Amino acid sequence: SYTAFGGNVKLTVEGGSFTASTRITLTRSKGAGYGDTYDIVFAVQPRDTVKFTFRLDPDAAKAADPRKLGLWAQKDGSDEWTFAGGAYDPTDNTLTLLTRMDGKYEVRYNSYTFPDLPTEHWAFDFMDVMAARRIMQGNTLGQAEPDRTITRAEAAAMLVNVLQANSLIDRIPEVSDNFTDVDQDDWYYYPLNLAAKRGLIVGYADPIRLRKLERMLSRANYVGM
């Protein structure tokens, strides 16, 4: 493990992830989110995942719903910030991320309101947090469609997003084709094949039934242990 900036950042590296002479560079600048921006650069890409732990500004964190806090990343050469995940630990006020990606990271608060999800809906609180953590993103119109049947592909995507958002599986693993009826251009190609790789799902991408969802949740719980 390596710590920097007074313990505000901690890197935990598994043995064999880097060679002994690999250089890791960390720099800090003023961030737009809940704390500073940290730029992490690996001289070579790690063979295994690296665990980043970021300590939040305590005053800023108290003013936000911690369930909607997460780490956002900006890759070198890109102006776009994307949600990376991060598991919040209230005991020491930290966010922990499991990843292979270097780049810029900062803690941000995210909020998204589905236009077709009223606050009195029984699932509003759950779906509100899931949207903030990019676990579900709605249809092409940005709608939640909270009362319709979901497909196995959609359920698998949400399970994969839950595991990644909470740093239980790597965000950028390689995936291979597991289904004859899923093309690489399909939006669900990556999450569905990753779910298959992790043993969460087999078979067809048809509407999901309760018993099938229970099996998927059970398998996801095993992956997250």
C-alpha atoms as a PDB file:
ATOM      1  CA  SER A   1       0.000   0.000   0.000  1.00  0.00           C
ATOM      2  CA  TYR A   2       1.075   3.561  -0.725  1.00  0.00           C
ATOM      3  CA  THR A   3      -0.333   6.748   0.774  1.00  0.00           C
ATOM      4  CA  ALA A   4       0.033  10.346  -0.340  1.00  0.00           C
ATOM      5  CA  PHE A   5      -1.096  13.879   0.516  1.00  0.00           C
ATOM      6  CA  GLY A   6      -1.476  13.322   4.226  1.00  0.00           C
ATOM      7  CA  GLY A   7      -3.373  10.072   3.801  1.00  0.00           C
ATOM      8  CA  ASN A   8      -6.009  11.564   1.511  1.00  0.00           C
ATOM      9  CA  VAL A   9      -5.125   9.049  -1.204  1.00  0.00           C
ATOM     10  CA  LYS A  10      -4.150   5.419  -0.748  1.00  0.00           C
ATOM     11  CA  LEU A  11      -3.153   2.920  -3.456  1.00  0.00           C
ATOM     12  CA  THR A  12      -3.286  -0.784  -2.694  1.00  0.00           C
ATOM     13  CA  VAL A  13      -1.528  -2.956  -5.267  1.00  0.00           C
ATOM     14  CA  GLU A  14      -1.626  -6.736  -5.467  1.00  0.00           C
ATOM     15  CA  GLY A  15       1.708  -8.526  -5.768  1.00  0.00           C
ATOM     16  CA  GLY A  16       2.761  -8.925  -9.383  1.00  0.00           C
ATOM     17  CA  SER A  17       0.614  -6.064 -10.682  1.00  0.00           C
ATOM     18  CA  PHE A  18       3.725  -4.024 -11.467  1.00  0.00           C
ATOM     19  CA  THR A  19       7.421  -4.679 -11.771  1.00  0.00           C
ATOM     20  CA  ALA A  20       9.554  -3.433  -8.892  1.00  0.00           C
ATOM     21  CA  SER A  21      10.851  -0.487 -10.943  1.00  0.00           C
ATOM     22  CA  THR A  22       7.455   0.747 -12.166  1.00  0.00           C
ATOM     23  CA  ARG A  23       6.929   4.460 -11.552  1.00  0.00           C
ATOM     24  CA  ILE A  24       3.564   5.692 -10.235  1.00  0.00           C
ATOM     25  CA  THR A  25       3.051   9.462 -10.231  1.00  0.00           C
ATOM     26  CA  LEU A  26       0.375  11.315  -8.239  1.00  0.00           C
ATOM     27  CA  THR A  27      -0.336  15.021  -8.491  1.00  0.00           C
ATOM     28  CA  ARG A  28      -3.075  17.100  -6.884  1.00  0.00           C
ATOM     29  CA  SER A  29      -4.993  20.160  -8.034  1.00  0.00           C
ATOM     30  CA  LYS A  30      -8.105  22.067  -7.017  1.00  0.00           C
ATOM     31  CA  GLY A  31     -11.188  20.083  -7.967  1.00  0.00           C
ATOM     32  CA  ALA A  32     -14.719  21.017  -8.979  1.00  0.00           C
ATOM     33  CA  GLY A  33     -16.289  18.319  -6.843  1.00  0.00           C
ATOM     34  CA  TYR A  34     -16.187  17.325  -3.164  1.00  0.00           C
ATOM     35  CA  GLY A  35     -12.440  17.630  -2.716  1.00  0.00           C
ATOM     36  CA  ASP A  36      -9.323  17.890  -4.842  1.00  0.00           C
ATOM     37  CA  THR A  37      -8.576  16.378  -8.242  1.00  0.00           C
ATOM     38  CA  TYR A  38      -5.913  13.665  -8.225  1.00  0.00           C
ATOM     39  CA  ASP A  39      -3.976  12.767 -11.361  1.00  0.00           C
ATOM     40  CA  ILE A  40      -2.617   9.224 -11.194  1.00  0.00           C
ATOM     41  CA  VAL A  41      -0.205   8.019 -13.885  1.00  0.00           C
ATOM     42  CA  PHE A  42       1.154   4.496 -14.281  1.00  0.00           C
ATOM     43  CA  ALA A  43       4.363   4.120 -16.283  1.00  0.00           C
ATOM     44  CA  VAL A  44       2.933   0.785 -17.462  1.00  0.00           C
ATOM     45  CA  GLN A  45      -0.573  -0.621 -17.173  1.00  0.00           C
ATOM     46  CA  PRO A  46      -1.047  -2.950 -14.184  1.00  0.00           C
ATOM     47  CA  ARG A  47      -1.509  -6.688 -14.685  1.00  0.00           C
ATOM     48  CA  ASP A  48      -4.166  -6.713 -11.972  1.00  0.00           C
ATOM     49  CA  THR A  49      -6.599  -4.229 -10.505  1.00  0.00           C
ATOM     50  CA  VAL A  50      -5.435  -1.410  -8.251  1.00  0.00           C
ATOM     51  CA  LYS A  51      -7.508  -0.212  -5.301  1.00  0.00           C
ATOM     52  CA  PHE A  52      -7.745   3.559  -4.924  1.00  0.00           C
ATOM     53  CA  THR A  53      -9.043   4.978  -1.642  1.00  0.00           C
ATOM     54  CA  PHE A  54      -9.904   8.681  -1.476  1.00  0.00           C
ATOM     55  CA  ARG A  55     -10.726  10.533   1.742  1.00  0.00           C
ATOM     56  CA  LEU A  56     -13.600  12.988   1.389  1.00  0.00           C
ATOM     57  CA  ASP A  57     -13.760  16.496   2.730  1.00  0.00           C
ATOM     58  CA  PRO A  58     -15.867  15.886   5.883  1.00  0.00           C
ATOM     59  CA  ASP A  59     -17.780  19.167   5.775  1.00  0.00           C
ATOM     60  CA  ALA A  60     -18.682  18.775   2.113  1.00  0.00           C
ATOM     61  CA  ALA A  61     -19.711  15.151   2.584  1.00  0.00           C
ATOM     62  CA  LYS A  62     -22.100  16.041   5.405  1.00  0.00           C
ATOM     63  CA  ALA A  63     -23.989  18.360   3.070  1.00  0.00           C
ATOM     64  CA  ALA A  64     -24.704  15.601   0.528  1.00  0.00           C
ATOM     65  CA  ASP A  65     -26.527  12.294   0.359  1.00  0.00           C
ATOM     66  CA  PRO A  66     -23.522   9.921   0.563  1.00  0.00           C
ATOM     67  CA  ARG A  67     -25.363   7.367  -1.586  1.00  0.00           C
ATOM     68  CA  LYS A  68     -25.047   9.788  -4.507  1.00  0.00           C
ATOM     69  CA  LEU A  69     -21.339  10.464  -4.072  1.00  0.00           C
ATOM     70  CA  GLY A  70     -18.945   8.718  -6.420  1.00  0.00           C
ATOM     71  CA  LEU A  71     -15.607   8.948  -8.156  1.00  0.00           C
ATOM     72  CA  TRP A  72     -15.534  10.457 -11.629  1.00  0.00           C
ATOM     73  CA  ALA A  73     -12.619   9.895 -13.972  1.00  0.00           C
ATOM     74  CA  GLN A  74     -11.064  11.764 -16.866  1.00  0.00           C
ATOM     75  CA  LYS A  75      -8.701   9.848 -19.128  1.00  0.00           C
ATOM     76  CA  ASP A  76      -5.691  11.648 -20.599  1.00  0.00           C
ATOM     77  CA  GLY A  77      -6.544  13.302 -23.904  1.00  0.00           C
ATOM     78  CA  SER A  78     -10.272  13.507 -23.134  1.00  0.00           C
ATOM     79  CA  ASP A  79     -12.361  16.420 -21.886  1.00  0.00           C
ATOM     80  CA  GLU A  80     -15.146  14.113 -20.732  1.00  0.00           C
ATOM     81  CA  TRP A  81     -15.636  13.056 -17.123  1.00  0.00           C
ATOM     82  CA  THR A  82     -17.304   9.663 -16.639  1.00  0.00           C
ATOM     83  CA  PHE A  83     -18.659   7.929 -13.563  1.00  0.00           C
ATOM     84  CA  ALA A  84     -16.093   5.405 -12.299  1.00  0.00           C
ATOM     85  CA  GLY A  85     -17.871   4.124  -9.182  1.00  0.00           C
ATOM     86  CA  GLY A  86     -16.636   3.989  -5.631  1.00  0.00           C
ATOM     87  CA  ALA A  87     -17.854   2.295  -2.454  1.00  0.00           C
ATOM     88  CA  TYR A  88     -18.507   4.786   0.352  1.00  0.00           C
ATOM     89  CA  ASP A  89     -17.388   3.907   3.872  1.00  0.00           C
ATOM     90  CA  PRO A  90     -18.982   6.190   6.492  1.00  0.00           C
ATOM     91  CA  THR A  91     -16.668   4.939   9.255  1.00  0.00           C
ATOM     92  CA  ASP A  92     -13.650   6.734   7.804  1.00  0.00           C
ATOM     93  CA  ASN A  93     -15.368   8.974   5.226  1.00  0.00           C
ATOM     94  CA  THR A  94     -13.697   7.397   2.193  1.00  0.00           C
ATOM     95  CA  LEU A  95     -14.573   6.218  -1.296  1.00  0.00           C
ATOM     96  CA  THR A  96     -12.789   3.133  -2.627  1.00  0.00           C
ATOM     97  CA  LEU A  97     -12.487   2.227  -6.297  1.00  0.00           C
ATOM     98  CA  LEU A  98     -11.204  -0.938  -7.939  1.00  0.00           C
ATOM     99  CA  THR A  99      -9.779  -0.245 -11.399  1.00  0.00           C
ATOM    100  CA  ARG A 100      -6.928  -0.676 -13.875  1.00  0.00           C
ATOM    101  CA  MET A 101      -7.270   2.862 -15.234  1.00  0.00           C
ATOM    102  CA  ASP A 102      -4.997   5.753 -14.425  1.00  0.00           C
ATOM    103  CA  GLY A 103      -6.026   9.339 -15.161  1.00  0.00           C
ATOM    104  CA  LYS A 104      -7.675  12.125 -13.206  1.00  0.00           C
ATOM    105  CA  TYR A 105     -10.120  11.334 -10.397  1.00  0.00           C
ATOM    106  CA  GLU A 106     -12.315  13.455  -8.200  1.00  0.00           C
ATOM    107  CA  VAL A 107     -15.287  12.936  -5.906  1.00  0.00           C
ATOM    108  CA  ARG A 108     -18.545  14.322  -7.260  1.00  0.00           C
ATOM    109  CA  TYR A 109     -22.188  14.403  -6.279  1.00  0.00           C
ATOM    110  CA  ASN A 110     -24.528  13.263  -9.018  1.00  0.00           C
ATOM    111  CA  SER A 111     -28.290  13.602  -9.274  1.00  0.00           C
ATOM    112  CA  TYR A 112     -30.718  12.695 -12.041  1.00  0.00           C
ATOM    113  CA  THR A 113     -34.513  12.890 -12.052  1.00  0.00           C
ATOM    114  CA  PHE A 114     -36.534  10.634 -14.346  1.00  0.00           C
ATOM    115  CA  PRO A 115     -39.363  12.672 -15.918  1.00  0.00           C
ATOM    116  CA  ASP A 116     -41.836   9.767 -15.635  1.00  0.00           C
ATOM    117  CA  LEU A 117     -41.008   8.777 -12.050  1.00  0.00           C
ATOM    118  CA  PRO A 118     -43.169  10.644  -9.498  1.00  0.00           C
ATOM    119  CA  THR A 119     -41.795  11.104  -5.998  1.00  0.00           C
ATOM    120  CA  GLU A 120     -44.752   9.175  -4.534  1.00  0.00           C
ATOM    121  CA  HIS A 121     -43.896   6.039  -6.537  1.00  0.00           C
ATOM    122  CA  TRP A 122     -42.894   3.173  -4.221  1.00  0.00           C
ATOM    123  CA  ALA A 123     -39.565   2.731  -6.070  1.00  0.00           C
ATOM    124  CA  PHE A 124     -38.648   6.428  -6.312  1.00  0.00           C
ATOM    125  CA  ASP A 125     -35.936   6.445  -3.638  1.00  0.00           C
ATOM    126  CA  PHE A 126     -34.288   3.283  -4.966  1.00  0.00           C
ATOM    127  CA  MET A 127     -34.340   4.373  -8.592  1.00  0.00           C
ATOM    128  CA  ASP A 128     -33.225   7.900  -7.689  1.00  0.00           C
ATOM    129  CA  VAL A 129     -30.034   6.540  -6.118  1.00  0.00           C
ATOM    130  CA  MET A 130     -29.533   3.996  -8.916  1.00  0.00           C
ATOM    131  CA  ALA A 131     -29.672   6.814 -11.466  1.00  0.00           C
ATOM    132  CA  ALA A 132     -27.214   8.926  -9.471  1.00  0.00           C
ATOM    133  CA  ARG A 133     -24.745   6.025  -9.412  1.00  0.00           C
ATOM    134  CA  ARG A 134     -25.293   5.251 -13.106  1.00  0.00           C
ATOM    135  CA  ILE A 135     -26.678   1.813 -12.294  1.00  0.00           C
ATOM    136  CA  MET A 136     -29.689   2.559 -14.472  1.00  0.00           C
ATOM    137  CA  GLN A 137     -29.853   5.267 -17.107  1.00  0.00           C
ATOM    138  CA  GLY A 138     -33.351   5.061 -18.545  1.00  0.00           C
ATOM    139  CA  ASN A 139     -34.457   4.594 -22.122  1.00  0.00           C
ATOM    140  CA  THR A 140     -33.492   6.713 -25.134  1.00  0.00           C
ATOM    141  CA  LEU A 141     -35.839   9.448 -23.884  1.00  0.00           C
ATOM    142  CA  GLY A 142     -34.333   9.394 -20.395  1.00  0.00           C
ATOM    143  CA  GLN A 143     -37.427   7.743 -18.913  1.00  0.00           C
ATOM    144  CA  ALA A 144     -37.376   5.128 -16.155  1.00  0.00           C
ATOM    145  CA  GLU A 145     -40.503   3.224 -17.249  1.00  0.00           C
ATOM    146  CA  PRO A 146     -40.776   1.951 -13.659  1.00  0.00           C
ATOM    147  CA  ASP A 147     -43.733  -0.398 -14.144  1.00  0.00           C
ATOM    148  CA  ARG A 148     -42.809  -2.282 -17.306  1.00  0.00           C
ATOM    149  CA  THR A 149     -41.235  -5.736 -17.610  1.00  0.00           C
ATOM    150  CA  ILE A 150     -37.456  -5.710 -18.089  1.00  0.00           C
ATOM    151  CA  THR A 151     -35.406  -8.054 -20.243  1.00  0.00           C
ATOM    152  CA  ARG A 152     -32.641 -10.290 -18.985  1.00  0.00           C
ATOM    153  CA  ALA A 153     -30.165  -8.013 -20.770  1.00  0.00           C
ATOM    154  CA  GLU A 154     -31.411  -4.994 -18.804  1.00  0.00           C
ATOM    155  CA  ALA A 155     -31.304  -6.909 -15.520  1.00  0.00           C
ATOM    156  CA  ALA A 156     -27.787  -8.139 -16.273  1.00  0.00           C
ATOM    157  CA  ALA A 157     -26.676  -4.586 -17.119  1.00  0.00           C
ATOM    158  CA  MET A 158     -27.979  -3.271 -13.802  1.00  0.00           C
ATOM    159  CA  LEU A 159     -26.341  -6.088 -11.835  1.00  0.00           C
ATOM    160  CA  VAL A 160     -23.015  -5.478 -13.564  1.00  0.00           C
ATOM    161  CA  ASN A 161     -23.346  -1.744 -12.888  1.00  0.00           C
ATOM    162  CA  VAL A 162     -24.087  -2.418  -9.201  1.00  0.00           C
ATOM    163  CA  LEU A 163     -20.990  -4.590  -8.852  1.00  0.00           C
ATOM    164  CA  GLN A 164     -18.812  -2.093 -10.704  1.00  0.00           C
ATOM    165  CA  ALA A 165     -20.224   0.964  -8.935  1.00  0.00           C
ATOM    166  CA  ASN A 166     -19.367  -0.627  -5.589  1.00  0.00           C
ATOM    167  CA  SER A 167     -15.895  -1.733  -6.742  1.00  0.00           C
ATOM    168  CA  LEU A 168     -16.645  -5.442  -6.499  1.00  0.00           C
ATOM    169  CA  ILE A 169     -15.555  -6.181 -10.076  1.00  0.00           C
ATOM    170  CA  ASP A 170     -13.246  -4.404 -12.493  1.00  0.00           C
ATOM    171  CA  ARG A 171     -14.806  -1.756 -14.717  1.00  0.00           C
ATOM    172  CA  ILE A 172     -12.831  -2.529 -17.881  1.00  0.00           C
ATOM    173  CA  PRO A 173     -12.252  -6.285 -18.197  1.00  0.00           C
ATOM    174  CA  GLU A 174     -12.047  -7.962 -21.582  1.00  0.00           C
ATOM    175  CA  VAL A 175     -15.193  -9.765 -22.699  1.00  0.00           C
ATOM    176  CA  SER A 176     -15.821 -12.262 -25.469  1.00  0.00           C
ATOM    177  CA  ASP A 177     -18.905 -13.396 -27.368  1.00  0.00           C
ATOM    178  CA  ASN A 178     -21.131 -15.699 -25.320  1.00  0.00           C
ATOM    179  CA  PHE A 179     -24.419 -15.384 -27.211  1.00  0.00           C
ATOM    180  CA  THR A 180     -25.247 -16.032 -30.860  1.00  0.00           C
ATOM    181  CA  ASP A 181     -27.995 -13.387 -30.842  1.00  0.00           C
ATOM    182  CA  VAL A 182     -25.967 -10.514 -29.330  1.00  0.00           C
ATOM    183  CA  ASP A 183     -23.956  -8.275 -31.664  1.00  0.00           C
ATOM    184  CA  GLN A 184     -21.049  -6.040 -30.697  1.00  0.00           C
ATOM    185  CA  ASP A 185     -23.095  -2.998 -31.770  1.00  0.00           C
ATOM    186  CA  ASP A 186     -25.868  -3.791 -29.262  1.00  0.00           C
ATOM    187  CA  TRP A 187     -25.882  -1.481 -26.232  1.00  0.00           C
ATOM    188  CA  TYR A 188     -25.998  -4.500 -23.943  1.00  0.00           C
ATOM    189  CA  TYR A 189     -23.085  -6.381 -25.580  1.00  0.00           C
ATOM    190  CA  TYR A 190     -20.562  -5.503 -22.860  1.00  0.00           C
ATOM    191  CA  PRO A 191     -22.717  -5.925 -19.714  1.00  0.00           C
ATOM    192  CA  LEU A 192     -24.417  -9.090 -20.981  1.00  0.00           C
ATOM    193  CA  ASN A 193     -21.158 -10.799 -21.902  1.00  0.00           C
ATOM    194  CA  LEU A 194     -19.486  -9.635 -18.695  1.00  0.00           C
ATOM    195  CA  ALA A 195     -22.430 -11.052 -16.725  1.00  0.00           C
ATOM    196  CA  ALA A 196     -21.974 -14.343 -18.577  1.00  0.00           C
ATOM    197  CA  LYS A 197     -18.236 -14.285 -17.882  1.00  0.00           C
ATOM    198  CA  ARG A 198     -18.948 -13.793 -14.187  1.00  0.00           C
ATOM    199  CA  GLY A 199     -21.530 -16.590 -14.187  1.00  0.00           C
ATOM    200  CA  LEU A 200     -24.504 -14.306 -13.519  1.00  0.00           C
ATOM    201  CA  ILE A 201     -26.500 -15.255 -16.590  1.00  0.00           C
ATOM    202  CA  VAL A 202     -26.938 -17.953 -19.225  1.00  0.00           C
ATOM    203  CA  GLY A 203     -29.433 -18.437 -22.021  1.00  0.00           C
ATOM    204  CA  TYR A 204     -31.601 -15.987 -23.908  1.00  0.00           C
ATOM    205  CA  ALA A 205     -32.210 -12.254 -23.463  1.00  0.00           C
ATOM    206  CA  ASP A 206     -35.980 -12.683 -22.992  1.00  0.00           C
ATOM    207  CA  PRO A 207     -38.226 -10.916 -20.410  1.00  0.00           C
ATOM    208  CA  ILE A 208     -37.033 -11.933 -16.971  1.00  0.00           C
ATOM    209  CA  ARG A 209     -39.166 -13.731 -14.404  1.00  0.00           C
ATOM    210  CA  LEU A 210     -38.877 -13.490 -10.631  1.00  0.00           C
ATOM    211  CA  ARG A 211     -37.254 -16.911 -10.220  1.00  0.00           C
ATOM    212  CA  LYS A 212     -34.600 -16.097 -12.837  1.00  0.00           C
ATOM    213  CA  LEU A 213     -33.911 -12.742 -11.198  1.00  0.00           C
ATOM    214  CA  GLU A 214     -33.510 -14.445  -7.822  1.00  0.00           C
ATOM    215  CA  ARG A 215     -30.868 -16.752  -9.336  1.00  0.00           C
ATOM    216  CA  MET A 216     -29.035 -13.791 -10.845  1.00  0.00           C
ATOM    217  CA  LEU A 217     -29.063 -11.913  -7.541  1.00  0.00           C
ATOM    218  CA  SER A 218     -27.771 -14.983  -5.735  1.00  0.00           C
ATOM    219  CA  ARG A 219     -24.898 -15.326  -8.202  1.00  0.00           C
ATOM    220  CA  ALA A 220     -24.166 -11.601  -7.974  1.00  0.00           C
ATOM    221  CA  ASN A 221     -24.007 -11.870  -4.184  1.00  0.00           C
ATOM    222  CA  TYR A 222     -21.442 -14.670  -4.533  1.00  0.00           C
ATOM    223  CA  VAL A 223     -19.346 -12.531  -6.930  1.00  0.00           C
ATOM    224  CA  GLY A 224     -19.451  -9.641  -4.473  1.00  0.00           C
ATOM    225  CA  MET A 225     -18.287 -11.693  -1.500  1.00  0.00           C
END
